[in-house]
C-alpha atoms as a PDB file:
ATOM      1  CA  UNK A   1      86.520 186.095 113.175  1.00  0.00           C
ATOM      2  CA  UNK A   2      85.208 185.453 116.694  1.00  0.00           C
ATOM      3  CA  UNK A   3      81.690 186.507 117.550  1.00  0.00           C
ATOM      4  CA  UNK A   4      81.837 189.885 119.360  1.00  0.00           C
ATOM      5  CA  UNK A   5      79.780 188.705 122.354  1.00  0.00           C
ATOM      6  CA  UNK A   6      82.080 185.781 123.163  1.00  0.00           C
ATOM      7  CA  UNK A   7      84.374 186.461 126.117  1.00  0.00           C
ATOM      8  CA  UNK A   8      87.858 184.990 125.952  1.00  0.00           C
ATOM      9  CA  UNK A   9      90.848 184.968 128.241  1.00  0.00           C
ATOM     10  CA  UNK A  10      92.437 187.216 125.605  1.00  0.00           C
ATOM     11  CA  UNK A  11      90.479 189.967 123.851  1.00  0.00           C
ATOM     12  CA  UNK A  12      91.118 189.080 120.218  1.00  0.00           C
ATOM     13  CA  UNK A  13      90.074 192.498 118.932  1.00  0.00           C
ATOM     14  CA  UNK A  14      92.720 194.207 121.104  1.00  0.00           C
ATOM     15  CA  UNK A  15      95.316 191.609 120.142  1.00  0.00           C
ATOM     16  CA  UNK A  16      94.512 191.989 116.449  1.00  0.00           C
ATOM     17  CA  UNK A  17      94.791 195.790 116.709  1.00  0.00           C
ATOM     18  CA  UNK A  18      98.153 195.508 118.469  1.00  0.00           C
ATOM     19  CA  UNK A  19      99.417 193.067 115.847  1.00  0.00           C
ATOM     20  CA  UNK A  20      98.351 195.330 112.992  1.00  0.00           C
ATOM     21  CA  UNK A  21     100.300 198.254 114.426  1.00  0.00           C
ATOM     22  CA  UNK A  22     103.335 196.204 115.452  1.00  0.00           C
ATOM     23  CA  UNK A  23     103.748 193.659 112.652  1.00  0.00           C
ATOM     24  CA  UNK A  24     104.072 193.546 108.897  1.00  0.00           C
ATOM     25  CA  UNK A  25     103.505 190.511 106.720  1.00  0.00           C
ATOM     26  CA  UNK A  26     106.916 189.143 105.782  1.00  0.00           C
ATOM     27  CA  UNK A  27     105.718 188.306 102.281  1.00  0.00           C
ATOM     28  CA  UNK A  28     103.822 191.401 101.140  1.00  0.00           C
ATOM     29  CA  UNK A  29     105.221 194.048 103.581  1.00  0.00           C
ATOM     30  CA  UNK A  30     101.702 195.256 104.450  1.00  0.00           C
ATOM     31  CA  UNK A  31     100.336 195.566 107.981  1.00  0.00           C
ATOM     32  CA  UNK A  32      97.084 193.654 107.532  1.00  0.00           C
ATOM     33  CA  UNK A  33      97.177 190.752 109.982  1.00  0.00           C
ATOM     34  CA  UNK A  34      93.964 189.155 111.289  1.00  0.00           C
ATOM     35  CA  UNK A  35      93.271 186.471 113.897  1.00  0.00           C
ATOM     36  CA  UNK A  36      90.833 183.668 113.109  1.00  0.00           C
ATOM     37  CA  UNK A  37      89.653 181.032 115.564  1.00  0.00           C
ATOM     38  CA  UNK A  38      89.795 177.605 113.941  1.00  0.00           C
ATOM     39  CA  UNK A  39      88.571 175.468 116.816  1.00  0.00           C
ATOM     40  CA  UNK A  40      87.716 175.697 120.501  1.00  0.00           C
ATOM     41  CA  UNK A  41      87.881 173.024 123.194  1.00  0.00           C
ATOM     42  CA  UNK A  42      86.678 174.349 126.535  1.00  0.00           C
ATOM     43  CA  UNK A  43      88.742 177.390 127.492  1.00  0.00           C
ATOM     44  CA  UNK A  44      91.501 176.663 124.969  1.00  0.00           C
ATOM     45  CA  UNK A  45      91.430 177.342 121.250  1.00  0.00           C
ATOM     46  CA  UNK A  46      93.454 177.060 118.065  1.00  0.00           C
ATOM     47  CA  UNK A  47      93.948 180.363 116.269  1.00  0.00           C
ATOM     48  CA  UNK A  48      95.662 181.344 113.065  1.00  0.00           C
ATOM     49  CA  UNK A  49      97.380 184.553 112.002  1.00  0.00           C
ATOM     50  CA  UNK A  50      96.580 185.422 108.421  1.00  0.00           C
ATOM     51  CA  UNK A  51      97.386 188.351 106.136  1.00  0.00           C
ATOM     52  CA  UNK A  52      94.201 190.038 104.862  1.00  0.00           C
ATOM     53  CA  UNK A  53      95.846 190.468 101.437  1.00  0.00           C
ATOM     54  CA  UNK A  54      94.509 187.472  99.460  1.00  0.00           C
ATOM     55  CA  UNK A  55      97.516 187.413  97.125  1.00  0.00           C
ATOM     56  CA  UNK A  56      99.988 187.114 100.030  1.00  0.00           C
ATOM     57  CA  UNK A  57     101.396 183.649 100.732  1.00  0.00           C
ATOM     58  CA  UNK A  58     100.737 184.105 104.470  1.00  0.00           C
ATOM     59  CA  UNK A  59      97.048 184.386 103.587  1.00  0.00           C
ATOM     60  CA  UNK A  60      97.164 181.044 101.797  1.00  0.00           C
ATOM     61  CA  UNK A  61      99.431 179.402 104.425  1.00  0.00           C
ATOM     62  CA  UNK A  62      98.606 181.063 107.771  1.00  0.00           C
ATOM     63  CA  UNK A  63     100.478 180.534 111.042  1.00  0.00           C
ATOM     64  CA  UNK A  64      98.468 178.352 113.450  1.00  0.00           C
ATOM     65  CA  UNK A  65      98.953 178.292 117.225  1.00  0.00           C
ATOM     66  CA  UNK A  66      97.232 177.231 120.442  1.00  0.00           C
ATOM     67  CA  UNK A  67      96.058 179.778 123.034  1.00  0.00           C
ATOM     68  CA  UNK A  68      97.236 177.495 125.844  1.00  0.00           C
ATOM     69  CA  UNK A  69      99.913 174.813 126.097  1.00  0.00           C
ATOM     70  CA  UNK A  70      98.723 171.295 125.429  1.00  0.00           C
ATOM     71  CA  UNK A  71      99.385 168.061 127.310  1.00  0.00           C
ATOM     72  CA  UNK A  72      98.819 165.484 124.603  1.00  0.00           C
ATOM     73  CA  UNK A  73      95.408 166.428 123.214  1.00  0.00           C
ATOM     74  CA  UNK A  74      94.300 168.426 126.277  1.00  0.00           C
ATOM     75  CA  UNK A  75      94.780 172.143 126.872  1.00  0.00           C
ATOM     76  CA  UNK A  76      96.595 172.856 130.167  1.00  0.00           C
ATOM     77  CA  UNK A  77      94.099 175.646 130.869  1.00  0.00           C
ATOM     78  CA  UNK A  78      91.205 173.164 130.834  1.00  0.00           C
ATOM     79  CA  UNK A  79      93.067 170.755 133.120  1.00  0.00           C
ATOM     80  CA  UNK A  80      93.831 173.595 135.530  1.00  0.00           C
ATOM     81  CA  UNK A  81      90.164 174.632 135.572  1.00  0.00           C
ATOM     82  CA  UNK A  82      89.112 171.075 136.458  1.00  0.00           C
ATOM     83  CA  UNK A  83      91.696 170.932 139.259  1.00  0.00           C
ATOM     84  CA  UNK A  84      90.552 174.305 140.610  1.00  0.00           C
ATOM     85  CA  UNK A  85      86.916 173.233 140.823  1.00  0.00           C
ATOM     86  CA  UNK A  86      87.896 169.921 142.436  1.00  0.00           C
ATOM     87  CA  UNK A  87      90.044 171.778 144.986  1.00  0.00           C
ATOM     88  CA  UNK A  88      87.123 173.960 146.059  1.00  0.00           C
ATOM     89  CA  UNK A  89      84.789 170.977 146.218  1.00  0.00           C
ATOM     90  CA  UNK A  90      82.721 171.799 143.167  1.00  0.00           C
ATOM     91  CA  UNK A  91      82.037 169.651 140.141  1.00  0.00           C
ATOM     92  CA  UNK A  92      81.168 169.858 136.477  1.00  0.00           C
ATOM     93  CA  UNK A  93      77.911 171.775 136.946  1.00  0.00           C
ATOM     94  CA  UNK A  94      79.695 174.513 138.925  1.00  0.00           C
ATOM     95  CA  UNK A  95      82.423 174.790 136.273  1.00  0.00           C
ATOM     96  CA  UNK A  96      79.784 174.843 133.545  1.00  0.00           C
ATOM     97  CA  UNK A  97      77.845 177.601 135.323  1.00  0.00           C
ATOM     98  CA  UNK A  98      81.050 179.600 135.898  1.00  0.00           C
ATOM     99  CA  UNK A  99      81.999 179.423 132.213  1.00  0.00           C
ATOM    100  CA  UNK A 100      78.484 180.319 131.094  1.00  0.00           C
ATOM    101  CA  UNK A 101      78.517 183.418 133.310  1.00  0.00           C
ATOM    102  CA  UNK A 102      81.869 184.485 131.875  1.00  0.00           C
END
């Protein structure tokens, strides 16, 4: 689970709550879905949807997905952020400060 103080483009707690009320595990027919962040690269991340029921096959074989489209190995969101800071005449330190304030 993500640390509660970490700010994301998407609030994972709200998303997880919405998924629990709207979805049911196809294997065990129980509404116990959780979101787990596997890795993070800049503003993009790889998440997985997993059933909380440990005997369910979707717990053992969760669905993985990216939070932003990728261009090769790069998240489009990160590329867009770099282009935005270049367009306003700011560099890495400004982008770093912006992300740290978020």
